[in-house]
């Protein structure tokens, strides 16, 4: 079975990836199981740049410590995801800064609380009418194999985007991040209201992971 070490500290994201990919993949939270793993600085100006940087740096570190994963895992990969919200009325912001959107105003280190990010977004869009609140969630996934004699340090990259618009107030208690504010096209409920099964069938991350699954299918089912 293919083992994917998910390079994130976001437990919601690990669970979502595992649910979307299903039983064909063994998804493990890398930064929980390897707490001493370095946390790469996400300083690229694109989602693909950040995802690739995380995947390559963590795969390189795992190789350097001689990481092993038992005898059952023929293929072990680092899967790094960078994703966020792009709002047209804000020139594509928050974009790669989605997780740190509110914190950027204060200079605080680390990510912002979801409620703070959502509050800032609503504040900036307060005078923007519905027809101008177009937005999309975008996800880029980078994949690097780490249990090879010659490591594959050129990542495979998969992307996905889900179009929609930003509501005027949060709706729903599910999901995470900007989910309570995002209404996907063709739906009347937010990501936080739709439920995991529906969201995981149409989200930006689901689209990127579908392309990842296709790649595995075309490479001998690694």
Protein backbone atom coordinates (compact mmCIF):
# COMPACT_ATOMS: atom_id res chain seq x y z
CA UNK A 1 0.00 0.00 0.00
CA UNK A 2 1.16 3.53 -0.72
CA UNK A 3 1.92 5.56 2.39
CA UNK A 4 1.45 9.31 2.22
CA UNK A 5 3.05 11.41 4.95
CA UNK A 6 0.83 14.50 5.05
CA UNK A 7 2.98 17.57 5.67
CA UNK A 8 0.67 19.73 7.73
CA UNK A 9 -0.12 20.46 11.36
CA UNK A 10 -3.76 21.01 10.43
CA UNK A 11 -5.64 17.94 11.68
CA UNK A 12 -8.74 18.96 9.68
CA UNK A 13 -6.71 18.91 6.48
CA UNK A 14 -5.20 15.49 7.24
CA UNK A 15 -8.65 14.07 7.88
CA UNK A 16 -10.06 15.61 4.72
CA UNK A 17 -7.27 14.25 2.53
CA UNK A 18 -7.62 10.78 4.05
CA UNK A 19 -11.40 10.82 3.56
CA UNK A 20 -11.14 11.89 -0.08
CA UNK A 21 -8.44 9.36 -1.01
CA UNK A 22 -10.01 6.45 0.85
CA UNK A 23 -8.62 3.05 1.74
CA UNK A 24 -6.24 2.78 -1.23
CA UNK A 25 -3.80 5.11 0.52
CA UNK A 26 -2.32 5.02 4.02
CA UNK A 27 -2.36 8.67 5.13
CA UNK A 28 -0.17 9.58 8.11
CA UNK A 29 0.29 13.01 9.75
CA UNK A 30 4.02 13.58 9.20
CA UNK A 31 4.49 16.46 11.62
CA UNK A 32 2.70 14.54 14.38
CA UNK A 33 4.61 11.31 13.90
CA UNK A 34 7.89 13.13 13.29
CA UNK A 35 7.60 16.06 15.72
CA UNK A 36 11.23 17.06 15.19
CA UNK A 37 10.69 17.53 11.45
CA UNK A 38 11.61 21.04 10.36
CA UNK A 39 8.80 23.40 9.44
CA UNK A 40 9.71 25.04 6.13
CA UNK A 41 9.16 28.77 5.80
CA UNK A 42 6.35 29.30 3.30
CA UNK A 43 7.77 32.37 1.62
CA UNK A 44 6.99 31.64 -2.04
CA UNK A 45 4.55 33.91 -3.82
CA UNK A 46 2.56 31.04 -5.34
CA UNK A 47 0.73 28.02 -3.98
CA UNK A 48 2.82 25.72 -6.17
CA UNK A 49 6.05 27.27 -4.91
CA UNK A 50 5.12 26.75 -1.27
CA UNK A 51 3.83 23.21 -1.80
CA UNK A 52 6.95 22.15 -3.70
CA UNK A 53 9.25 23.72 -1.11
CA UNK A 54 7.54 21.87 1.74
CA UNK A 55 7.52 18.52 -0.05
CA UNK A 56 11.16 18.64 -1.17
CA UNK A 57 12.58 19.94 2.11
CA UNK A 58 10.72 17.41 4.24
CA UNK A 59 11.56 14.50 1.93
CA UNK A 60 15.21 15.54 2.05
CA UNK A 61 15.13 15.68 5.85
CA UNK A 62 13.52 12.23 6.07
CA UNK A 63 16.24 10.82 3.83
CA UNK A 64 18.90 12.46 6.01
CA UNK A 65 17.67 10.68 9.15
CA UNK A 66 17.37 7.32 7.36
CA UNK A 67 13.62 7.17 7.76
CA UNK A 68 12.15 3.66 7.48
CA UNK A 69 8.51 2.65 7.53
CA UNK A 70 8.47 -1.10 8.07
CA UNK A 71 8.40 -3.85 5.48
CA UNK A 72 4.85 -3.37 4.19
CA UNK A 73 5.28 0.05 2.63
CA UNK A 74 6.87 -0.26 -0.77
CA UNK A 75 6.31 3.39 -1.57
CA UNK A 76 6.39 6.30 0.87
CA UNK A 77 5.72 9.85 -0.24
CA UNK A 78 5.58 13.27 1.35
CA UNK A 79 2.38 15.01 0.31
CA UNK A 80 2.48 18.77 0.83
CA UNK A 81 -0.53 20.95 0.18
CA UNK A 82 -0.76 24.71 -0.13
CA UNK A 83 -4.19 26.14 -0.55
CA UNK A 84 -6.19 29.24 0.03
CA UNK A 85 -8.90 31.64 -0.98
CA UNK A 86 -8.69 34.08 -3.89
CA UNK A 87 -11.22 36.93 -3.90
CA UNK A 88 -11.51 38.88 -7.16
CA UNK A 89 -12.60 42.13 -5.49
CA UNK A 90 -9.41 42.02 -3.40
CA UNK A 91 -7.10 41.42 -6.35
CA UNK A 92 -6.78 37.71 -5.52
CA UNK A 93 -6.13 38.21 -1.80
CA UNK A 94 -5.76 36.61 0.67
CA UNK A 95 -4.18 34.03 -1.67
CA UNK A 96 -1.01 32.44 -0.32
CA UNK A 97 -1.53 34.44 2.89
CA UNK A 98 -4.95 32.91 3.59
CA UNK A 99 -3.97 31.21 6.85
CA UNK A 100 -2.12 34.31 8.09
CA UNK A 101 -4.51 36.94 6.72
CA UNK A 102 -5.42 38.66 10.00
CA UNK A 103 -2.00 38.15 11.60
CA UNK A 104 -0.35 40.16 8.83
CA UNK A 105 -2.00 43.29 10.29
CA UNK A 106 -0.35 42.83 13.67
CA UNK A 107 2.98 41.27 12.73
CA UNK A 108 2.17 38.23 14.91
CA UNK A 109 3.96 35.00 14.10
CA UNK A 110 2.11 31.95 12.83
CA UNK A 111 -1.39 31.53 11.49
CA UNK A 112 -4.43 33.51 12.53
CA UNK A 113 -7.55 32.10 14.15
CA UNK A 114 -10.20 31.22 11.57
CA UNK A 115 -12.64 33.66 13.17
CA UNK A 116 -10.13 36.52 12.84
CA UNK A 117 -9.44 35.75 9.18
CA UNK A 118 -13.15 35.58 8.42
CA UNK A 119 -13.81 38.84 10.26
CA UNK A 120 -11.10 40.65 8.28
CA UNK A 121 -12.45 39.30 5.00
CA UNK A 122 -15.97 40.47 5.80
CA UNK A 123 -14.68 43.87 6.86
CA UNK A 124 -12.83 44.36 3.57
CA UNK A 125 -15.89 43.27 1.56
CA UNK A 126 -18.43 45.20 3.61
CA UNK A 127 -19.43 47.50 0.74
CA UNK A 128 -19.04 44.98 -2.08
CA UNK A 129 -22.34 43.74 -3.61
CA UNK A 130 -23.06 40.08 -4.20
CA UNK A 131 -22.39 40.20 -7.95
CA UNK A 132 -18.83 41.39 -7.24
CA UNK A 133 -17.98 38.88 -4.49
CA UNK A 134 -16.66 36.17 -6.83
CA UNK A 135 -13.99 33.96 -5.31
CA UNK A 136 -12.39 30.57 -5.54
CA UNK A 137 -10.62 28.10 -3.32
CA UNK A 138 -7.39 26.93 -4.92
CA UNK A 139 -5.26 23.94 -3.92
CA UNK A 140 -1.86 22.78 -5.14
CA UNK A 141 -0.44 19.46 -3.99
CA UNK A 142 3.23 18.50 -4.35
CA UNK A 143 4.31 14.87 -4.04
CA UNK A 144 7.86 13.58 -3.44
CA UNK A 145 8.87 9.94 -2.90
CA UNK A 146 11.30 9.43 -0.02
CA UNK A 147 12.12 5.72 0.15
CA UNK A 148 14.18 5.48 -3.03
CA UNK A 149 17.88 4.78 -3.52
CA UNK A 150 17.93 7.96 -5.60
CA UNK A 151 15.25 10.25 -4.16
CA UNK A 152 12.85 11.86 -6.60
CA UNK A 153 13.30 15.47 -5.55
CA UNK A 154 11.46 16.97 -8.49
CA UNK A 155 7.91 16.98 -7.15
CA UNK A 156 4.83 15.92 -9.03
CA UNK A 157 2.35 18.78 -8.81
CA UNK A 158 -1.46 18.60 -8.95
CA UNK A 159 -3.87 21.51 -8.72
CA UNK A 160 -7.58 22.16 -8.36
CA UNK A 161 -9.91 25.15 -8.02
CA UNK A 162 -13.51 25.52 -6.87
CA UNK A 163 -15.36 28.65 -7.99
CA UNK A 164 -17.94 30.40 -5.84
CA UNK A 165 -18.68 33.63 -3.97
CA UNK A 166 -18.33 35.12 -0.49
CA UNK A 167 -21.39 35.35 1.76
CA UNK A 168 -22.18 38.41 3.90
CA UNK A 169 -22.03 36.49 7.20
CA UNK A 170 -20.76 33.08 8.34
CA UNK A 171 -23.13 30.14 7.81
CA UNK A 172 -22.76 26.65 9.23
CA UNK A 173 -20.64 24.99 11.90
CA UNK A 174 -18.74 22.44 9.80
CA UNK A 175 -15.48 22.64 7.89
CA UNK A 176 -12.66 24.99 8.77
CA UNK A 177 -10.95 28.14 7.56
CA UNK A 178 -13.15 30.24 5.28
CA UNK A 179 -15.71 27.45 4.76
CA UNK A 180 -18.56 29.32 6.56
CA UNK A 181 -18.27 32.21 4.07
CA UNK A 182 -17.75 30.34 0.79
CA UNK A 183 -20.73 29.36 -1.37
CA UNK A 184 -19.60 27.11 -4.26
CA UNK A 185 -21.19 27.64 -7.66
CA UNK A 186 -24.33 25.60 -8.14
CA UNK A 187 -24.99 25.43 -4.38
CA UNK A 188 -27.07 27.51 -1.98
CA UNK A 189 -25.21 26.45 1.15
CA UNK A 190 -21.71 27.26 2.37
CA UNK A 191 -18.94 24.67 2.58
CA UNK A 192 -19.58 24.67 6.34
CA UNK A 193 -23.23 23.71 5.77
CA UNK A 194 -22.92 21.18 2.94
CA UNK A 195 -21.39 18.42 5.04
CA UNK A 196 -18.16 16.52 4.56
CA UNK A 197 -19.41 14.09 1.92
CA UNK A 198 -20.76 16.80 -0.41
CA UNK A 199 -17.82 19.13 0.14
CA UNK A 200 -15.30 16.37 -0.50
CA UNK A 201 -16.95 15.69 -3.84
CA UNK A 202 -16.53 19.18 -5.27
CA UNK A 203 -13.83 21.03 -3.33
CA UNK A 204 -10.57 22.40 -4.68
CA UNK A 205 -8.69 19.77 -2.67
CA UNK A 206 -10.90 16.98 -4.04
CA UNK A 207 -10.11 18.09 -7.60
CA UNK A 208 -6.35 18.20 -6.94
CA UNK A 209 -6.45 14.79 -5.22
CA UNK A 210 -8.42 13.32 -8.14
CA UNK A 211 -5.52 14.31 -10.41
CA UNK A 212 -3.06 12.77 -7.93
CA UNK A 213 -5.05 9.53 -7.96
CA UNK A 214 -5.01 9.53 -11.78
CA UNK A 215 -1.22 9.92 -11.70
CA UNK A 216 -0.85 6.93 -9.40
CA UNK A 217 -3.15 4.89 -11.65
CA UNK A 218 -0.95 5.69 -14.62
CA UNK A 219 2.24 4.78 -12.76
CA UNK A 220 1.50 1.19 -11.94
CA UNK A 221 -0.61 1.89 -8.85
CA UNK A 222 2.33 2.89 -6.66
